[in-house]
């Protein structure tokens, strides 16, 4: 996925992975009961980012500053706020 957002410096642009819509046994989970996942997919990185690249799956826990652009929810965070890659 190509993003129209170009992060600066040590910033990372990511999108939240979609929550599970069914249980392991196949039961449907309504949207109101789905948990938000803390796993994001990196879409773009700034020039100073050294540890992740576009396409990596990352774990980010904390207060997010997500915003919507062209119908897609994005997150911009500092590289140091990434807890782990998945």
C-alpha atoms as a PDB file:
ATOM      1  CA  UNK A   1       0.000   0.000   0.000  1.00  0.00           C
ATOM      2  CA  UNK A   2       1.362   3.386  -0.954  1.00  0.00           C
ATOM      3  CA  UNK A   3       0.564   6.155   1.475  1.00  0.00           C
ATOM      4  CA  UNK A   4       0.201   9.828   0.538  1.00  0.00           C
ATOM      5  CA  UNK A   5       1.712  10.724   3.931  1.00  0.00           C
ATOM      6  CA  UNK A   6       5.496  11.151   4.058  1.00  0.00           C
ATOM      7  CA  UNK A   7       6.867  11.059   7.619  1.00  0.00           C
ATOM      8  CA  UNK A   8       9.750  13.308   8.632  1.00  0.00           C
ATOM      9  CA  UNK A   9      12.834  12.478  10.680  1.00  0.00           C
ATOM     10  CA  UNK A  10      12.340   9.554  13.057  1.00  0.00           C
ATOM     11  CA  UNK A  11       8.579   9.236  12.515  1.00  0.00           C
ATOM     12  CA  UNK A  12       6.726   6.132  11.345  1.00  0.00           C
ATOM     13  CA  UNK A  13       3.338   6.052   9.580  1.00  0.00           C
ATOM     14  CA  UNK A  14       1.328   2.907  10.294  1.00  0.00           C
ATOM     15  CA  UNK A  15      -2.193   1.517   9.957  1.00  0.00           C
ATOM     16  CA  UNK A  16      -3.980  -0.630  12.538  1.00  0.00           C
ATOM     17  CA  UNK A  17      -4.524  -4.268  11.615  1.00  0.00           C
ATOM     18  CA  UNK A  18      -8.125  -5.353  11.300  1.00  0.00           C
ATOM     19  CA  UNK A  19      -9.625  -6.998  14.384  1.00  0.00           C
ATOM     20  CA  UNK A  20     -10.765 -10.614  14.244  1.00  0.00           C
ATOM     21  CA  UNK A  21     -14.311 -10.939  12.942  1.00  0.00           C
ATOM     22  CA  UNK A  22     -14.779 -14.574  13.964  1.00  0.00           C
ATOM     23  CA  UNK A  23     -13.726 -16.704  16.899  1.00  0.00           C
ATOM     24  CA  UNK A  24     -11.511 -19.777  16.494  1.00  0.00           C
ATOM     25  CA  UNK A  25     -14.668 -21.896  16.485  1.00  0.00           C
ATOM     26  CA  UNK A  26     -16.215 -19.786  13.703  1.00  0.00           C
ATOM     27  CA  UNK A  27     -18.678 -17.645  15.644  1.00  0.00           C
ATOM     28  CA  UNK A  28     -19.220 -14.129  14.292  1.00  0.00           C
ATOM     29  CA  UNK A  29     -18.056 -11.267  16.563  1.00  0.00           C
ATOM     30  CA  UNK A  30     -20.154  -8.100  16.155  1.00  0.00           C
ATOM     31  CA  UNK A  31     -18.191  -4.915  15.506  1.00  0.00           C
ATOM     32  CA  UNK A  32     -19.287  -3.427  18.834  1.00  0.00           C
ATOM     33  CA  UNK A  33     -17.663  -6.354  20.692  1.00  0.00           C
ATOM     34  CA  UNK A  34     -14.407  -6.496  18.712  1.00  0.00           C
ATOM     35  CA  UNK A  35     -11.257  -5.472  20.545  1.00  0.00           C
ATOM     36  CA  UNK A  36      -8.921  -2.964  18.954  1.00  0.00           C
ATOM     37  CA  UNK A  37      -5.654  -4.653  18.140  1.00  0.00           C
ATOM     38  CA  UNK A  38      -2.376  -3.065  19.226  1.00  0.00           C
ATOM     39  CA  UNK A  39      -0.613  -4.370  16.125  1.00  0.00           C
ATOM     40  CA  UNK A  40       0.023  -1.959  13.269  1.00  0.00           C
ATOM     41  CA  UNK A  41       1.508  -2.330   9.786  1.00  0.00           C
ATOM     42  CA  UNK A  42       4.235   0.158   8.854  1.00  0.00           C
ATOM     43  CA  UNK A  43       3.302   2.052   5.692  1.00  0.00           C
ATOM     44  CA  UNK A  44       6.148   4.604   5.490  1.00  0.00           C
ATOM     45  CA  UNK A  45       9.209   5.658   7.493  1.00  0.00           C
ATOM     46  CA  UNK A  46      11.194   8.881   7.852  1.00  0.00           C
ATOM     47  CA  UNK A  47      14.831   9.165   6.731  1.00  0.00           C
ATOM     48  CA  UNK A  48      16.210   8.744  10.267  1.00  0.00           C
ATOM     49  CA  UNK A  49      14.356   5.474  11.039  1.00  0.00           C
ATOM     50  CA  UNK A  50      16.754   2.543  11.290  1.00  0.00           C
ATOM     51  CA  UNK A  51      14.922  -0.390  12.902  1.00  0.00           C
ATOM     52  CA  UNK A  52      11.709  -0.821  10.891  1.00  0.00           C
ATOM     53  CA  UNK A  53      10.737  -0.670   7.235  1.00  0.00           C
ATOM     54  CA  UNK A  54       7.455  -0.502   5.302  1.00  0.00           C
ATOM     55  CA  UNK A  55       5.549  -3.770   5.577  1.00  0.00           C
ATOM     56  CA  UNK A  56       6.822  -4.598   9.083  1.00  0.00           C
ATOM     57  CA  UNK A  57       4.213  -5.406  11.734  1.00  0.00           C
ATOM     58  CA  UNK A  58       4.830  -3.493  14.946  1.00  0.00           C
ATOM     59  CA  UNK A  59       3.449  -3.480  18.462  1.00  0.00           C
ATOM     60  CA  UNK A  60       2.622  -0.077  19.857  1.00  0.00           C
ATOM     61  CA  UNK A  61       1.058   0.354  23.245  1.00  0.00           C
ATOM     62  CA  UNK A  62       0.048   3.721  24.522  1.00  0.00           C
ATOM     63  CA  UNK A  63      -2.014   6.691  23.650  1.00  0.00           C
ATOM     64  CA  UNK A  64      -2.352   6.840  19.904  1.00  0.00           C
ATOM     65  CA  UNK A  65      -2.893   9.876  17.786  1.00  0.00           C
ATOM     66  CA  UNK A  66      -4.746   8.229  14.962  1.00  0.00           C
ATOM     67  CA  UNK A  67      -6.344  10.283  12.224  1.00  0.00           C
ATOM     68  CA  UNK A  68      -8.326   9.582   9.090  1.00  0.00           C
ATOM     69  CA  UNK A  69      -7.099  10.649   5.639  1.00  0.00           C
ATOM     70  CA  UNK A  70      -8.893   9.649   2.425  1.00  0.00           C
ATOM     71  CA  UNK A  71     -10.977   7.139   4.388  1.00  0.00           C
ATOM     72  CA  UNK A  72      -7.978   5.340   5.932  1.00  0.00           C
ATOM     73  CA  UNK A  73      -7.019   5.510   9.633  1.00  0.00           C
ATOM     74  CA  UNK A  74      -3.320   6.321  10.097  1.00  0.00           C
ATOM     75  CA  UNK A  75      -1.026   6.565  13.101  1.00  0.00           C
ATOM     76  CA  UNK A  76       2.166   8.645  13.219  1.00  0.00           C
ATOM     77  CA  UNK A  77       4.594   7.789  16.016  1.00  0.00           C
ATOM     78  CA  UNK A  78       8.261   8.214  16.866  1.00  0.00           C
ATOM     79  CA  UNK A  79      10.491   5.223  16.235  1.00  0.00           C
ATOM     80  CA  UNK A  80      11.402   5.113  19.955  1.00  0.00           C
ATOM     81  CA  UNK A  81       7.728   4.515  20.861  1.00  0.00           C
ATOM     82  CA  UNK A  82       7.638   1.176  19.012  1.00  0.00           C
ATOM     83  CA  UNK A  83       7.746  -1.681  21.532  1.00  0.00           C
ATOM     84  CA  UNK A  84       8.526  -4.597  19.189  1.00  0.00           C
ATOM     85  CA  UNK A  85       8.172  -6.062  15.736  1.00  0.00           C
ATOM     86  CA  UNK A  86       5.835  -9.014  15.294  1.00  0.00           C
END
